[in-house]
Amino acid sequence: MTEAPAAVPTALTAREVTAGARATYAVFAGLGLAGSTWSSRLPQVRTQLHLDPASLGLLLLTIAVGGVIVLPLSGTVVTRIGPRRAVTVVALLVSTSLGVISLGYALSASLLVTGLFLLGAATGLWDVAMTVHAAAVERQLGRPVMPRFFAAFSFGTVAGAAVGVLMTALRVPVSIHVAVVAAVIAGAIPAAARYFLPEHAARPIAVPPPVKMSRPGLGAWREPRTVAVGLVALAFAVAEGAGSSWVSVSVIDRHHVTATIGTLAYASFLTALTAGRWLGPAVLHRFGRVTVLRTAAAVATTGVALSRLGRPLDWRSREVCSGGWARRSAFRSA
């Protein structure tokens, strides 16, 4: 007996590809919304739990730990069940974790930590699953669109931060705000994932390396270029992560502004990040990777330096004013 020939997958229609691209935009934006919702209410969380900077840093580290644990397994999971099922499952997990965070804020710090760990683990898997599907959509479209998908993620973060500003200004409790966003994600993201590409077109494909590596395996990490790329990526990731996690708290502590203004500063940071991602492909095409990378590093360094100048200047001005007032008072008394 001879085996029957395997069925050849049918070509996708333009409508299927367009629907898959739109669904991918929605899923990227949804992940951004989930992350920025939590971050936008960070000042209230700190106040509620009476956290000092060290304790707050450990709390934020919980999210990263969850992501690091899950990431090594995420590729296997997405390959086995496909991006559509993976996104659907992790969207429900993210929604659940936000629900746990909502309860933890109101009831227990340990419950909040559990929710943050689950959020980090679920978003790490979500990130891989949606990126795999985005790569499949890019192959079907035949043109580079990946930066625009990540720009959609940034649009989601801006939307989440803007809602956070509004909720803070209206004094809406953190638990209610986070719970509502959790319900939106649980309903919207699985609905969007239904329009993903068919499984045969969306699964990751193995691509042979175009050139033979001079140091295969772990030895590749001894290549100077590999180390340089890793250090550059680490530097920008640390800068972005620090800004996302600390900008609102830093503005509130340095300048003694309201939580609404601090959250607005966080929203402005995300808006600039979104603009950079959206305009990035055109800028890269015009000026080249090396020039853009050096310029971006210089701009980021300048931004960090300017943000650090705020506290000393304010402190000096208060000291000078206080000293001047004291001298005038002493003179009048004499």
C-alpha atoms as a PDB file:
ATOM      1  CA  MET A   1       0.000   0.000   0.000  1.00  0.00           C
ATOM      2  CA  THR A   2       1.132   3.529  -0.725  1.00  0.00           C
ATOM      3  CA  GLU A   3       0.503   6.497   1.493  1.00  0.00           C
ATOM      4  CA  ALA A   4      -1.934   9.119   0.316  1.00  0.00           C
ATOM      5  CA  PRO A   5      -0.275  12.398  -0.621  1.00  0.00           C
ATOM      6  CA  ALA A   6      -0.466  15.083   2.044  1.00  0.00           C
ATOM      7  CA  ALA A   7      -3.017  17.774   1.465  1.00  0.00           C
ATOM      8  CA  VAL A   8      -1.518  20.997   0.137  1.00  0.00           C
ATOM      9  CA  PRO A   9      -2.687  24.050   2.098  1.00  0.00           C
ATOM     10  CA  THR A  10      -4.818  26.345   0.024  1.00  0.00           C
ATOM     11  CA  ALA A  11      -3.641  29.883  -0.649  1.00  0.00           C
ATOM     12  CA  LEU A  12      -5.081  32.573   1.549  1.00  0.00           C
ATOM     13  CA  THR A  13      -7.399  35.184   0.166  1.00  0.00           C
ATOM     14  CA  ALA A  14      -6.694  38.895   0.447  1.00  0.00           C
ATOM     15  CA  ARG A  15      -9.639  39.202   2.826  1.00  0.00           C
ATOM     16  CA  GLU A  16      -8.176  36.576   5.178  1.00  0.00           C
ATOM     17  CA  VAL A  17      -4.800  38.279   5.217  1.00  0.00           C
ATOM     18  CA  THR A  18      -6.328  41.717   5.818  1.00  0.00           C
ATOM     19  CA  ALA A  19      -8.502  40.373   8.616  1.00  0.00           C
ATOM     20  CA  GLY A  20      -5.474  38.654  10.154  1.00  0.00           C
ATOM     21  CA  ALA A  21      -3.479  41.894  10.031  1.00  0.00           C
ATOM     22  CA  ARG A  22      -6.264  43.875  11.705  1.00  0.00           C
ATOM     23  CA  ALA A  23      -6.629  41.230  14.394  1.00  0.00           C
ATOM     24  CA  THR A  24      -2.878  41.372  15.007  1.00  0.00           C
ATOM     25  CA  TYR A  25      -3.030  45.145  15.459  1.00  0.00           C
ATOM     26  CA  ALA A  26      -5.830  44.671  18.000  1.00  0.00           C
ATOM     27  CA  VAL A  27      -3.927  41.997  19.937  1.00  0.00           C
ATOM     28  CA  PHE A  28      -0.760  44.113  20.100  1.00  0.00           C
ATOM     29  CA  ALA A  29      -2.789  47.082  21.330  1.00  0.00           C
ATOM     30  CA  GLY A  30      -4.512  44.894  23.908  1.00  0.00           C
ATOM     31  CA  LEU A  31      -1.218  43.826  25.441  1.00  0.00           C
ATOM     32  CA  GLY A  32      -0.144  47.458  25.678  1.00  0.00           C
ATOM     33  CA  LEU A  33      -3.426  48.344  27.349  1.00  0.00           C
ATOM     34  CA  ALA A  34      -2.999  45.601  29.957  1.00  0.00           C
ATOM     35  CA  GLY A  35       0.513  46.656  30.938  1.00  0.00           C
ATOM     36  CA  SER A  36      -0.065  50.402  31.083  1.00  0.00           C
ATOM     37  CA  THR A  37      -3.279  50.014  33.082  1.00  0.00           C
ATOM     38  CA  TRP A  38      -1.309  48.576  35.977  1.00  0.00           C
ATOM     39  CA  SER A  39       1.593  51.035  35.604  1.00  0.00           C
ATOM     40  CA  SER A  40      -0.656  54.092  35.385  1.00  0.00           C
ATOM     41  CA  ARG A  41      -1.998  53.426  38.911  1.00  0.00           C
ATOM     42  CA  LEU A  42       1.387  52.641  40.441  1.00  0.00           C
ATOM     43  CA  PRO A  43       1.458  55.802  42.635  1.00  0.00           C
ATOM     44  CA  GLN A  44      -1.825  54.785  44.283  1.00  0.00           C
ATOM     45  CA  VAL A  45      -0.544  51.235  44.797  1.00  0.00           C
ATOM     46  CA  ARG A  46       2.585  52.551  46.475  1.00  0.00           C
ATOM     47  CA  THR A  47       0.542  54.765  48.783  1.00  0.00           C
ATOM     48  CA  GLN A  48      -1.933  52.003  49.601  1.00  0.00           C
ATOM     49  CA  LEU A  49       0.811  49.539  50.564  1.00  0.00           C
ATOM     50  CA  HIS A  50       3.159  52.135  52.159  1.00  0.00           C
ATOM     51  CA  LEU A  51       6.085  51.047  49.989  1.00  0.00           C
ATOM     52  CA  ASP A  52       9.531  52.635  50.030  1.00  0.00           C
ATOM     53  CA  PRO A  53      11.582  52.705  46.770  1.00  0.00           C
ATOM     54  CA  ALA A  54      13.329  49.402  47.551  1.00  0.00           C
ATOM     55  CA  SER A  55      10.069  47.601  48.278  1.00  0.00           C
ATOM     56  CA  LEU A  56       8.466  49.071  45.180  1.00  0.00           C
ATOM     57  CA  GLY A  57      11.401  47.877  43.093  1.00  0.00           C
ATOM     58  CA  LEU A  58      11.000  44.343  44.429  1.00  0.00           C
ATOM     59  CA  LEU A  59       7.293  44.490  43.654  1.00  0.00           C
ATOM     60  CA  LEU A  60       8.017  45.459  40.050  1.00  0.00           C
ATOM     61  CA  LEU A  61      10.655  42.740  39.829  1.00  0.00           C
ATOM     62  CA  THR A  62       7.901  40.179  40.382  1.00  0.00           C
ATOM     63  CA  ILE A  63       6.533  40.868  36.897  1.00  0.00           C
ATOM     64  CA  ALA A  64       9.947  40.377  35.306  1.00  0.00           C
ATOM     65  CA  VAL A  65      10.501  37.105  37.185  1.00  0.00           C
ATOM     66  CA  GLY A  66       7.224  35.708  35.863  1.00  0.00           C
ATOM     67  CA  GLY A  67       8.181  36.617  32.309  1.00  0.00           C
ATOM     68  CA  VAL A  68      11.699  35.178  32.554  1.00  0.00           C
ATOM     69  CA  ILE A  69      10.402  31.849  33.845  1.00  0.00           C
ATOM     70  CA  VAL A  70       7.872  31.447  31.033  1.00  0.00           C
ATOM     71  CA  LEU A  71       9.863  32.758  28.068  1.00  0.00           C
ATOM     72  CA  PRO A  72      12.094  29.664  27.560  1.00  0.00           C
ATOM     73  CA  LEU A  73       8.958  27.516  27.189  1.00  0.00           C
ATOM     74  CA  SER A  74       6.860  29.954  25.176  1.00  0.00           C
ATOM     75  CA  GLY A  75       8.263  29.000  21.777  1.00  0.00           C
ATOM     76  CA  THR A  76       7.422  25.336  22.325  1.00  0.00           C
ATOM     77  CA  VAL A  77       3.918  26.166  23.523  1.00  0.00           C
ATOM     78  CA  VAL A  78       3.134  28.449  20.571  1.00  0.00           C
ATOM     79  CA  THR A  79       4.510  25.925  18.087  1.00  0.00           C
ATOM     80  CA  ARG A  80       2.430  23.122  19.576  1.00  0.00           C
ATOM     81  CA  ILE A  81      -0.957  24.834  19.936  1.00  0.00           C
ATOM     82  CA  GLY A  82      -0.634  27.647  17.388  1.00  0.00           C
ATOM     83  CA  PRO A  83      -0.741  31.445  17.844  1.00  0.00           C
ATOM     84  CA  ARG A  84      -4.548  31.666  17.805  1.00  0.00           C
ATOM     85  CA  ARG A  85      -5.087  29.298  20.723  1.00  0.00           C
ATOM     86  CA  ALA A  86      -2.061  30.665  22.562  1.00  0.00           C
ATOM     87  CA  VAL A  87      -3.279  34.274  22.360  1.00  0.00           C
ATOM     88  CA  THR A  88      -6.780  33.256  23.395  1.00  0.00           C
ATOM     89  CA  VAL A  89      -5.519  31.353  26.437  1.00  0.00           C
ATOM     90  CA  VAL A  90      -3.029  33.986  27.583  1.00  0.00           C
ATOM     91  CA  ALA A  91      -5.581  36.786  27.140  1.00  0.00           C
ATOM     92  CA  LEU A  92      -7.789  34.976  29.624  1.00  0.00           C
ATOM     93  CA  LEU A  93      -4.762  34.478  31.900  1.00  0.00           C
ATOM     94  CA  VAL A  94      -3.899  38.178  31.696  1.00  0.00           C
ATOM     95  CA  SER A  95      -7.500  39.026  32.500  1.00  0.00           C
ATOM     96  CA  THR A  96      -7.380  36.667  35.481  1.00  0.00           C
ATOM     97  CA  SER A  97      -4.101  38.133  36.717  1.00  0.00           C
ATOM     98  CA  LEU A  98      -5.511  41.664  36.508  1.00  0.00           C
ATOM     99  CA  GLY A  99      -8.498  40.448  38.505  1.00  0.00           C
ATOM    100  CA  VAL A 100      -6.149  39.056  41.157  1.00  0.00           C
ATOM    101  CA  ILE A 101      -4.256  42.379  41.190  1.00  0.00           C
ATOM    102  CA  SER A 102      -7.552  44.189  41.643  1.00  0.00           C
ATOM    103  CA  LEU A 103      -8.418  42.045  44.654  1.00  0.00           C
ATOM    104  CA  GLY A 104      -4.879  42.206  46.001  1.00  0.00           C
ATOM    105  CA  TYR A 105      -4.890  46.005  46.006  1.00  0.00           C
ATOM    106  CA  ALA A 106      -8.013  45.991  48.130  1.00  0.00           C
ATOM    107  CA  LEU A 107      -7.337  42.964  50.341  1.00  0.00           C
ATOM    108  CA  SER A 108      -3.783  41.675  50.557  1.00  0.00           C
ATOM    109  CA  ALA A 109      -0.253  42.521  49.450  1.00  0.00           C
ATOM    110  CA  SER A 110       0.571  38.824  48.983  1.00  0.00           C
ATOM    111  CA  LEU A 111      -2.396  38.463  46.644  1.00  0.00           C
ATOM    112  CA  LEU A 112      -1.173  41.492  44.689  1.00  0.00           C
ATOM    113  CA  VAL A 113       2.286  39.927  44.317  1.00  0.00           C
ATOM    114  CA  THR A 114       0.682  36.708  43.049  1.00  0.00           C
ATOM    115  CA  GLY A 115      -1.296  38.663  40.472  1.00  0.00           C
ATOM    116  CA  LEU A 116       1.810  40.505  39.287  1.00  0.00           C
ATOM    117  CA  PHE A 117       3.728  37.246  38.890  1.00  0.00           C
ATOM    118  CA  LEU A 118       0.895  35.783  36.819  1.00  0.00           C
ATOM    119  CA  LEU A 119       0.722  38.981  34.774  1.00  0.00           C
ATOM    120  CA  GLY A 120       4.414  38.772  33.939  1.00  0.00           C
ATOM    121  CA  ALA A 121       4.183  35.110  32.974  1.00  0.00           C
ATOM    122  CA  ALA A 122       1.058  35.568  30.847  1.00  0.00           C
ATOM    123  CA  THR A 123       2.292  38.683  29.045  1.00  0.00           C
ATOM    124  CA  GLY A 124       5.606  36.979  28.266  1.00  0.00           C
ATOM    125  CA  LEU A 125       3.770  34.162  26.486  1.00  0.00           C
ATOM    126  CA  TRP A 126       1.355  36.626  24.878  1.00  0.00           C
ATOM    127  CA  ASP A 127       4.299  38.607  23.477  1.00  0.00           C
ATOM    128  CA  VAL A 128       5.796  35.547  21.789  1.00  0.00           C
ATOM    129  CA  ALA A 129       2.485  34.282  20.407  1.00  0.00           C
ATOM    130  CA  MET A 130       1.447  37.584  18.849  1.00  0.00           C
ATOM    131  CA  THR A 131       4.928  38.174  17.405  1.00  0.00           C
ATOM    132  CA  VAL A 132       4.887  34.750  15.749  1.00  0.00           C
ATOM    133  CA  HIS A 133       1.530  35.559  14.160  1.00  0.00           C
ATOM    134  CA  ALA A 134       2.745  39.027  13.156  1.00  0.00           C
ATOM    135  CA  ALA A 135       5.684  37.408  11.333  1.00  0.00           C
ATOM    136  CA  ALA A 136       3.257  35.125   9.492  1.00  0.00           C
ATOM    137  CA  VAL A 137       1.120  38.111   8.459  1.00  0.00           C
ATOM    138  CA  GLU A 138       4.245  39.923   7.283  1.00  0.00           C
ATOM    139  CA  ARG A 139       5.164  36.936   5.103  1.00  0.00           C
ATOM    140  CA  GLN A 140       1.691  36.901   3.579  1.00  0.00           C
ATOM    141  CA  LEU A 141       1.735  40.641   2.882  1.00  0.00           C
ATOM    142  CA  GLY A 142       5.205  40.487   1.379  1.00  0.00           C
ATOM    143  CA  ARG A 143       6.369  43.764   2.949  1.00  0.00           C
ATOM    144  CA  PRO A 144       7.839  44.785   6.326  1.00  0.00           C
ATOM    145  CA  VAL A 145       5.069  45.739   8.749  1.00  0.00           C
ATOM    146  CA  MET A 146       6.446  44.481  12.063  1.00  0.00           C
ATOM    147  CA  PRO A 147       7.395  47.965  13.357  1.00  0.00           C
ATOM    148  CA  ARG A 148       3.798  49.085  12.819  1.00  0.00           C
ATOM    149  CA  PHE A 149       2.522  46.171  14.886  1.00  0.00           C
ATOM    150  CA  PHE A 150       4.764  47.241  17.746  1.00  0.00           C
ATOM    151  CA  ALA A 151       3.539  50.795  17.232  1.00  0.00           C
ATOM    152  CA  ALA A 152       0.028  49.417  17.816  1.00  0.00           C
ATOM    153  CA  PHE A 153       1.318  48.030  21.106  1.00  0.00           C
ATOM    154  CA  SER A 154       2.517  51.524  21.978  1.00  0.00           C
ATOM    155  CA  PHE A 155      -0.849  53.013  21.002  1.00  0.00           C
ATOM    156  CA  GLY A 156      -2.392  50.574  23.468  1.00  0.00           C
ATOM    157  CA  THR A 157      -0.037  51.747  26.202  1.00  0.00           C
ATOM    158  CA  VAL A 158      -0.902  55.385  25.497  1.00  0.00           C
ATOM    159  CA  ALA A 159      -4.612  54.576  25.600  1.00  0.00           C
ATOM    160  CA  GLY A 160      -4.172  52.743  28.903  1.00  0.00           C
ATOM    161  CA  ALA A 161      -2.184  55.618  30.376  1.00  0.00           C
ATOM    162  CA  ALA A 162      -4.750  58.170  29.180  1.00  0.00           C
ATOM    163  CA  VAL A 163      -7.531  56.194  30.810  1.00  0.00           C
ATOM    164  CA  GLY A 164      -5.365  55.987  33.919  1.00  0.00           C
ATOM    165  CA  VAL A 165      -5.050  59.790  33.983  1.00  0.00           C
ATOM    166  CA  LEU A 166      -8.821  60.123  33.709  1.00  0.00           C
ATOM    167  CA  MET A 167      -9.504  57.506  36.379  1.00  0.00           C
ATOM    168  CA  THR A 168      -7.005  59.117  38.722  1.00  0.00           C
ATOM    169  CA  ALA A 169      -8.482  62.581  38.174  1.00  0.00           C
ATOM    170  CA  LEU A 170     -11.984  61.252  38.810  1.00  0.00           C
ATOM    171  CA  ARG A 171     -10.761  59.351  41.901  1.00  0.00           C
ATOM    172  CA  VAL A 172     -12.029  56.032  40.574  1.00  0.00           C
ATOM    173  CA  PRO A 173     -10.704  53.239  42.838  1.00  0.00           C
ATOM    174  CA  VAL A 174      -7.802  51.262  41.447  1.00  0.00           C
ATOM    175  CA  SER A 175      -9.609  47.956  41.948  1.00  0.00           C
ATOM    176  CA  ILE A 176     -12.597  49.018  39.852  1.00  0.00           C
ATOM    177  CA  HIS A 177     -10.418  50.463  37.096  1.00  0.00           C
ATOM    178  CA  VAL A 178      -8.233  47.348  36.802  1.00  0.00           C
ATOM    179  CA  ALA A 179     -11.227  44.988  36.986  1.00  0.00           C
ATOM    180  CA  VAL A 180     -13.019  46.763  34.137  1.00  0.00           C
ATOM    181  CA  VAL A 181      -9.925  46.575  31.920  1.00  0.00           C
ATOM    182  CA  ALA A 182      -9.608  42.875  32.781  1.00  0.00           C
ATOM    183  CA  ALA A 183     -13.164  42.296  31.560  1.00  0.00           C
ATOM    184  CA  VAL A 184     -12.493  44.231  28.332  1.00  0.00           C
ATOM    185  CA  ILE A 185      -9.412  42.129  27.581  1.00  0.00           C
ATOM    186  CA  ALA A 186     -11.214  38.870  28.356  1.00  0.00           C
ATOM    187  CA  GLY A 187     -13.917  39.729  25.828  1.00  0.00           C
ATOM    188  CA  ALA A 188     -12.084  41.649  23.095  1.00  0.00           C
ATOM    189  CA  ILE A 189      -8.839  39.732  22.593  1.00  0.00           C
ATOM    190  CA  PRO A 190     -10.279  36.215  22.113  1.00  0.00           C
ATOM    191  CA  ALA A 191     -12.811  37.755  19.713  1.00  0.00           C
ATOM    192  CA  ALA A 192     -10.011  39.374  17.711  1.00  0.00           C
ATOM    193  CA  ALA A 193      -7.942  36.166  17.684  1.00  0.00           C
ATOM    194  CA  ARG A 194     -10.775  34.402  15.844  1.00  0.00           C
ATOM    195  CA  TYR A 195      -9.684  36.354  12.753  1.00  0.00           C
ATOM    196  CA  PHE A 196      -6.070  35.190  12.910  1.00  0.00           C
ATOM    197  CA  LEU A 197      -4.647  33.399   9.888  1.00  0.00           C
ATOM    198  CA  PRO A 198      -5.425  29.682   9.558  1.00  0.00           C
ATOM    199  CA  GLU A 199      -3.155  27.434  11.569  1.00  0.00           C
ATOM    200  CA  HIS A 200      -1.167  26.138   8.588  1.00  0.00           C
ATOM    201  CA  ALA A 201      -0.224  29.714   7.650  1.00  0.00           C
ATOM    202  CA  ALA A 202       0.340  31.077  11.165  1.00  0.00           C
ATOM    203  CA  ARG A 203       2.628  28.458  12.662  1.00  0.00           C
ATOM    204  CA  PRO A 204       6.311  29.401  12.919  1.00  0.00           C
ATOM    205  CA  ILE A 205       8.554  28.033  10.214  1.00  0.00           C
ATOM    206  CA  ALA A 206      12.129  26.874  10.477  1.00  0.00           C
ATOM    207  CA  VAL A 207      14.463  29.061   8.442  1.00  0.00           C
ATOM    208  CA  PRO A 208      18.001  27.785   7.773  1.00  0.00           C
ATOM    209  CA  PRO A 209      20.749  30.285   8.589  1.00  0.00           C
ATOM    210  CA  PRO A 210      21.946  32.165   5.472  1.00  0.00           C
ATOM    211  CA  VAL A 211      25.596  31.822   6.492  1.00  0.00           C
ATOM    212  CA  LYS A 212      27.527  29.341   8.563  1.00  0.00           C
ATOM    213  CA  MET A 213      28.282  30.645  12.041  1.00  0.00           C
ATOM    214  CA  SER A 214      31.971  30.657  12.842  1.00  0.00           C
ATOM    215  CA  ARG A 215      31.126  29.812  16.477  1.00  0.00           C
ATOM    216  CA  PRO A 216      27.930  27.779  16.645  1.00  0.00           C
ATOM    217  CA  GLY A 217      25.897  27.262  19.790  1.00  0.00           C
ATOM    218  CA  LEU A 218      26.897  29.030  22.976  1.00  0.00           C
ATOM    219  CA  GLY A 219      30.173  29.965  21.346  1.00  0.00           C
ATOM    220  CA  ALA A 220      28.289  32.584  19.320  1.00  0.00           C
ATOM    221  CA  TRP A 221      28.056  34.661  22.493  1.00  0.00           C
ATOM    222  CA  ARG A 222      31.831  35.076  22.359  1.00  0.00           C
ATOM    223  CA  GLU A 223      31.480  36.912  19.072  1.00  0.00           C
ATOM    224  CA  PRO A 224      32.156  40.629  19.761  1.00  0.00           C
ATOM    225  CA  ARG A 225      29.293  41.671  17.492  1.00  0.00           C
ATOM    226  CA  THR A 226      26.833  39.439  19.319  1.00  0.00           C
ATOM    227  CA  VAL A 227      27.903  40.867  22.668  1.00  0.00           C
ATOM    228  CA  ALA A 228      27.691  44.424  21.311  1.00  0.00           C
ATOM    229  CA  VAL A 229      24.155  43.910  19.997  1.00  0.00           C
ATOM    230  CA  GLY A 230      23.135  42.334  23.284  1.00  0.00           C
ATOM    231  CA  LEU A 231      24.537  45.235  25.313  1.00  0.00           C
ATOM    232  CA  VAL A 232      22.811  47.812  23.107  1.00  0.00           C
ATOM    233  CA  ALA A 233      19.499  45.981  23.383  1.00  0.00           C
ATOM    234  CA  LEU A 234      19.954  45.675  27.158  1.00  0.00           C
ATOM    235  CA  ALA A 235      20.707  49.384  27.543  1.00  0.00           C
ATOM    236  CA  PHE A 236      17.611  50.501  25.655  1.00  0.00           C
ATOM    237  CA  ALA A 237      15.447  47.885  27.365  1.00  0.00           C
ATOM    238  CA  VAL A 238      16.600  49.094  30.788  1.00  0.00           C
ATOM    239  CA  ALA A 239      15.931  52.721  29.805  1.00  0.00           C
ATOM    240  CA  GLU A 240      12.436  51.915  28.529  1.00  0.00           C
ATOM    241  CA  GLY A 241      11.615  49.689  31.486  1.00  0.00           C
ATOM    242  CA  ALA A 242      12.847  52.251  34.007  1.00  0.00           C
ATOM    243  CA  GLY A 243      10.798  54.974  32.362  1.00  0.00           C
ATOM    244  CA  SER A 244       7.662  52.855  32.222  1.00  0.00           C
ATOM    245  CA  SER A 245       7.967  51.773  35.836  1.00  0.00           C
ATOM    246  CA  TRP A 246       9.294  54.854  37.597  1.00  0.00           C
ATOM    247  CA  VAL A 247       8.481  58.037  35.671  1.00  0.00           C
ATOM    248  CA  SER A 248       5.159  58.726  37.382  1.00  0.00           C
ATOM    249  CA  VAL A 249       6.481  58.017  40.888  1.00  0.00           C
ATOM    250  CA  SER A 250       9.633  60.040  40.217  1.00  0.00           C
ATOM    251  CA  VAL A 251       7.727  63.093  39.024  1.00  0.00           C
ATOM    252  CA  ILE A 252       5.433  62.968  42.058  1.00  0.00           C
ATOM    253  CA  ASP A 253       8.315  62.641  44.522  1.00  0.00           C
ATOM    254  CA  ARG A 254      10.611  65.213  42.919  1.00  0.00           C
ATOM    255  CA  HIS A 255       8.124  67.946  42.144  1.00  0.00           C
ATOM    256  CA  HIS A 256       5.422  67.259  44.736  1.00  0.00           C
ATOM    257  CA  VAL A 257       2.649  67.176  42.149  1.00  0.00           C
ATOM    258  CA  THR A 258      -0.628  65.289  42.273  1.00  0.00           C
ATOM    259  CA  ALA A 259      -1.018  61.679  41.158  1.00  0.00           C
ATOM    260  CA  THR A 260      -2.917  62.918  38.105  1.00  0.00           C
ATOM    261  CA  ILE A 261       0.079  64.965  36.925  1.00  0.00           C
ATOM    262  CA  GLY A 262       2.414  62.046  37.601  1.00  0.00           C
ATOM    263  CA  THR A 263       0.275  59.725  35.501  1.00  0.00           C
ATOM    264  CA  LEU A 264       0.135  62.396  32.791  1.00  0.00           C
ATOM    265  CA  ALA A 265       3.945  62.422  32.733  1.00  0.00           C
ATOM    266  CA  TYR A 266       3.845  58.650  32.268  1.00  0.00           C
ATOM    267  CA  ALA A 267       1.396  59.105  29.373  1.00  0.00           C
ATOM    268  CA  SER A 268       3.682  61.667  27.727  1.00  0.00           C
ATOM    269  CA  PHE A 269       6.595  59.230  27.957  1.00  0.00           C
ATOM    270  CA  LEU A 270       4.540  56.539  26.239  1.00  0.00           C
ATOM    271  CA  THR A 271       3.380  59.003  23.576  1.00  0.00           C
ATOM    272  CA  ALA A 272       6.983  59.797  22.662  1.00  0.00           C
ATOM    273  CA  LEU A 273       7.775  56.073  22.601  1.00  0.00           C
ATOM    274  CA  THR A 274       4.842  55.467  20.256  1.00  0.00           C
ATOM    275  CA  ALA A 275       5.931  58.239  17.898  1.00  0.00           C
ATOM    276  CA  GLY A 276       9.424  56.779  17.720  1.00  0.00           C
ATOM    277  CA  ARG A 277       8.143  53.317  16.860  1.00  0.00           C
ATOM    278  CA  TRP A 278       5.696  54.583  14.262  1.00  0.00           C
ATOM    279  CA  LEU A 279       8.247  56.827  12.504  1.00  0.00           C
ATOM    280  CA  GLY A 280      11.154  54.440  13.028  1.00  0.00           C
ATOM    281  CA  PRO A 281      11.029  52.588   9.685  1.00  0.00           C
ATOM    282  CA  ALA A 282      11.055  55.817   7.662  1.00  0.00           C
ATOM    283  CA  VAL A 283      13.882  57.306   9.731  1.00  0.00           C
ATOM    284  CA  LEU A 284      15.942  54.110   9.413  1.00  0.00           C
ATOM    285  CA  HIS A 285      15.440  54.066   5.661  1.00  0.00           C
ATOM    286  CA  ARG A 286      16.525  57.702   5.391  1.00  0.00           C
ATOM    287  CA  PHE A 287      19.567  57.798   7.683  1.00  0.00           C
ATOM    288  CA  GLY A 288      20.645  54.187   8.256  1.00  0.00           C
ATOM    289  CA  ARG A 289      20.846  52.010  11.362  1.00  0.00           C
ATOM    290  CA  VAL A 290      24.167  53.222  12.771  1.00  0.00           C
ATOM    291  CA  THR A 291      23.333  56.925  12.586  1.00  0.00           C
ATOM    292  CA  VAL A 292      19.861  56.405  14.026  1.00  0.00           C
ATOM    293  CA  LEU A 293      21.179  54.214  16.845  1.00  0.00           C
ATOM    294  CA  ARG A 294      23.830  56.741  17.862  1.00  0.00           C
ATOM    295  CA  THR A 295      21.371  59.621  17.692  1.00  0.00           C
ATOM    296  CA  ALA A 296      18.748  57.717  19.683  1.00  0.00           C
ATOM    297  CA  ALA A 297      21.308  56.894  22.373  1.00  0.00           C
ATOM    298  CA  ALA A 298      22.349  60.553  22.600  1.00  0.00           C
ATOM    299  CA  VAL A 299      18.737  61.720  22.826  1.00  0.00           C
ATOM    300  CA  ALA A 300      17.908  59.117  25.481  1.00  0.00           C
ATOM    301  CA  THR A 301      20.961  60.113  27.525  1.00  0.00           C
ATOM    302  CA  THR A 302      19.973  63.771  27.264  1.00  0.00           C
ATOM    303  CA  GLY A 303      16.456  62.958  28.425  1.00  0.00           C
ATOM    304  CA  VAL A 304      17.728  61.039  31.450  1.00  0.00           C
ATOM    305  CA  ALA A 305      20.124  63.885  32.331  1.00  0.00           C
ATOM    306  CA  LEU A 306      17.387  66.516  32.073  1.00  0.00           C
ATOM    307  CA  SER A 307      15.066  64.482  34.258  1.00  0.00           C
ATOM    308  CA  ARG A 308      17.806  64.180  36.882  1.00  0.00           C
ATOM    309  CA  LEU A 309      18.394  67.947  36.931  1.00  0.00           C
ATOM    310  CA  GLY A 310      14.907  68.639  38.291  1.00  0.00           C
ATOM    311  CA  ARG A 311      15.554  67.667  41.902  1.00  0.00           C
ATOM    312  CA  PRO A 312      18.833  69.522  42.533  1.00  0.00           C
ATOM    313  CA  LEU A 313      17.496  72.716  40.960  1.00  0.00           C
ATOM    314  CA  ASP A 314      14.308  72.573  42.997  1.00  0.00           C
ATOM    315  CA  TRP A 315      16.282  71.820  46.153  1.00  0.00           C
ATOM    316  CA  ARG A 316      18.683  74.690  45.584  1.00  0.00           C
ATOM    317  CA  SER A 317      15.906  77.126  44.814  1.00  0.00           C
ATOM    318  CA  ARG A 318      14.093  76.150  48.003  1.00  0.00           C
ATOM    319  CA  GLU A 319      17.303  76.411  50.010  1.00  0.00           C
ATOM    320  CA  VAL A 320      18.168  79.824  48.556  1.00  0.00           C
ATOM    321  CA  CYS A 321      14.651  81.086  49.120  1.00  0.00           C
ATOM    322  CA  SER A 322      14.629  79.751  52.680  1.00  0.00           C
ATOM    323  CA  GLY A 323      18.056  81.243  53.366  1.00  0.00           C
ATOM    324  CA  GLY A 324      17.063  84.599  51.928  1.00  0.00           C
ATOM    325  CA  TRP A 325      13.871  84.647  53.986  1.00  0.00           C
ATOM    326  CA  ALA A 326      15.842  83.784  57.115  1.00  0.00           C
ATOM    327  CA  ARG A 327      18.359  86.575  56.498  1.00  0.00           C
ATOM    328  CA  ARG A 328      15.616  89.106  55.886  1.00  0.00           C
ATOM    329  CA  SER A 329      13.840  88.012  59.077  1.00  0.00           C
ATOM    330  CA  ALA A 330      17.041  88.322  61.105  1.00  0.00           C
ATOM    331  CA  PHE A 331      17.716  91.774  59.641  1.00  0.00           C
ATOM    332  CA  ARG A 332      14.223  92.981  60.505  1.00  0.00           C
ATOM    333  CA  SER A 333      14.493  91.586  64.023  1.00  0.00           C
ATOM    334  CA  ALA A 334      17.802  93.406  64.537  1.00  0.00           C
END
